[in-house]
Amino acid sequence: MRPASATTRAMRLTELETEVRLTELETEVLFGLTEGELTGDTADRLGKPEGVIGLSRWRIRQRLGAHTDAQAVALAYHKGILVPPAR
């Protein structure tokens, strides 16, 4: 595998710095992801069907450019959508 060119790396950084806006529901679902909540747990907490929560998780990943929920959480911290708790 060839290393990424400087242009490719710059494009990736630009993509990371793009502002992301999440809906109120997506923000609540994202907070659940940080706590390790399963889809069903989040659905119960928010009073929504599991399908709605699953779709929200997919939309969060799409908006952040993530492939996994864990990557979505990491990117949300990187972009300032989530702020680490004070120590």
Protein backbone atom coordinates (compact mmCIF):
# COMPACT_ATOMS: atom_id res chain seq x y z
CA MET A 1 0.00 0.00 0.00
CA ARG A 2 1.36 3.43 -0.98
CA PRO A 3 1.51 6.18 1.62
CA ALA A 4 -1.05 8.95 1.20
CA SER A 5 0.18 11.98 -0.70
CA ALA A 6 0.41 15.38 0.97
CA THR A 7 -2.62 16.49 -1.04
CA THR A 8 -4.66 13.51 0.15
CA ARG A 9 -3.65 14.13 3.77
CA ALA A 10 -4.56 17.81 3.43
CA MET A 11 -7.95 16.89 1.98
CA ARG A 12 -8.59 14.53 4.92
CA LEU A 13 -7.68 17.27 7.41
CA THR A 14 -9.99 19.70 5.61
CA GLU A 15 -12.80 17.13 5.81
CA LEU A 16 -12.19 16.74 9.56
CA GLU A 17 -12.38 20.48 10.11
CA THR A 18 -15.71 20.88 8.30
CA GLU A 19 -18.44 21.99 10.68
CA VAL A 20 -20.93 19.27 11.54
CA ARG A 21 -24.42 20.01 12.78
CA LEU A 22 -26.35 17.30 14.58
CA THR A 23 -30.04 17.33 15.41
CA GLU A 24 -31.12 17.32 19.06
CA LEU A 25 -31.96 13.60 18.78
CA GLU A 26 -28.60 12.80 17.17
CA THR A 27 -26.84 14.69 19.95
CA GLU A 28 -28.68 12.64 22.58
CA VAL A 29 -27.82 9.43 20.73
CA LEU A 30 -24.18 10.51 20.50
CA PHE A 31 -24.06 11.08 24.27
CA GLY A 32 -25.44 7.56 24.67
CA LEU A 33 -22.62 6.24 22.50
CA THR A 34 -20.08 7.87 24.81
CA GLU A 35 -21.62 5.92 27.70
CA GLY A 36 -21.59 2.64 25.77
CA GLU A 37 -25.37 2.46 25.52
CA LEU A 38 -26.84 -0.15 23.23
CA THR A 39 -29.46 0.89 20.69
CA GLY A 40 -32.26 -0.56 22.84
CA ASP A 41 -31.06 1.25 25.95
CA THR A 42 -30.96 4.57 24.10
CA ALA A 43 -34.41 3.89 22.63
CA ASP A 44 -35.82 3.24 26.10
CA ARG A 45 -34.14 6.32 27.59
CA LEU A 46 -35.44 8.60 24.83
CA GLY A 47 -38.80 6.91 24.32
CA LYS A 48 -38.14 6.28 20.63
CA PRO A 49 -38.31 3.10 18.52
CA GLU A 50 -35.03 1.20 18.10
CA GLY A 51 -35.21 1.77 14.33
CA VAL A 52 -35.15 5.54 14.84
CA ILE A 53 -32.11 5.26 17.12
CA GLY A 54 -30.34 2.96 14.66
CA LEU A 55 -30.98 5.42 11.85
CA SER A 56 -29.71 8.27 14.04
CA ARG A 57 -26.50 6.34 14.74
CA TRP A 58 -26.04 5.80 11.00
CA ARG A 59 -26.65 9.51 10.30
CA ILE A 60 -24.13 10.50 12.98
CA ARG A 61 -21.49 8.27 11.38
CA GLN A 62 -22.29 9.69 7.94
CA ARG A 63 -22.15 13.31 9.06
CA LEU A 64 -18.85 12.78 10.89
CA GLY A 65 -17.32 10.61 8.16
CA ALA A 66 -16.93 7.69 10.57
CA HIS A 67 -17.08 3.98 9.83
CA THR A 68 -17.85 2.86 13.39
CA ASP A 69 -19.60 4.25 16.45
CA ALA A 70 -16.26 4.42 18.29
CA GLN A 71 -14.75 6.44 15.45
CA ALA A 72 -17.79 8.74 15.50
CA VAL A 73 -17.25 9.44 19.20
CA ALA A 74 -13.53 10.12 18.64
CA LEU A 75 -14.28 12.48 15.75
CA ALA A 76 -16.97 14.25 17.78
CA TYR A 77 -14.38 14.98 20.49
CA HIS A 78 -11.87 16.09 17.83
CA LYS A 79 -14.38 18.46 16.23
CA GLY A 80 -15.48 19.90 19.57
CA ILE A 81 -19.01 18.51 19.34
CA LEU A 82 -18.28 16.63 22.56
CA VAL A 83 -16.16 18.06 25.34
CA PRO A 84 -14.23 15.71 27.64
CA PRO A 85 -15.39 15.78 31.26
CA ALA A 86 -13.31 17.90 33.63
CA ARG A 87 -10.89 15.94 35.78
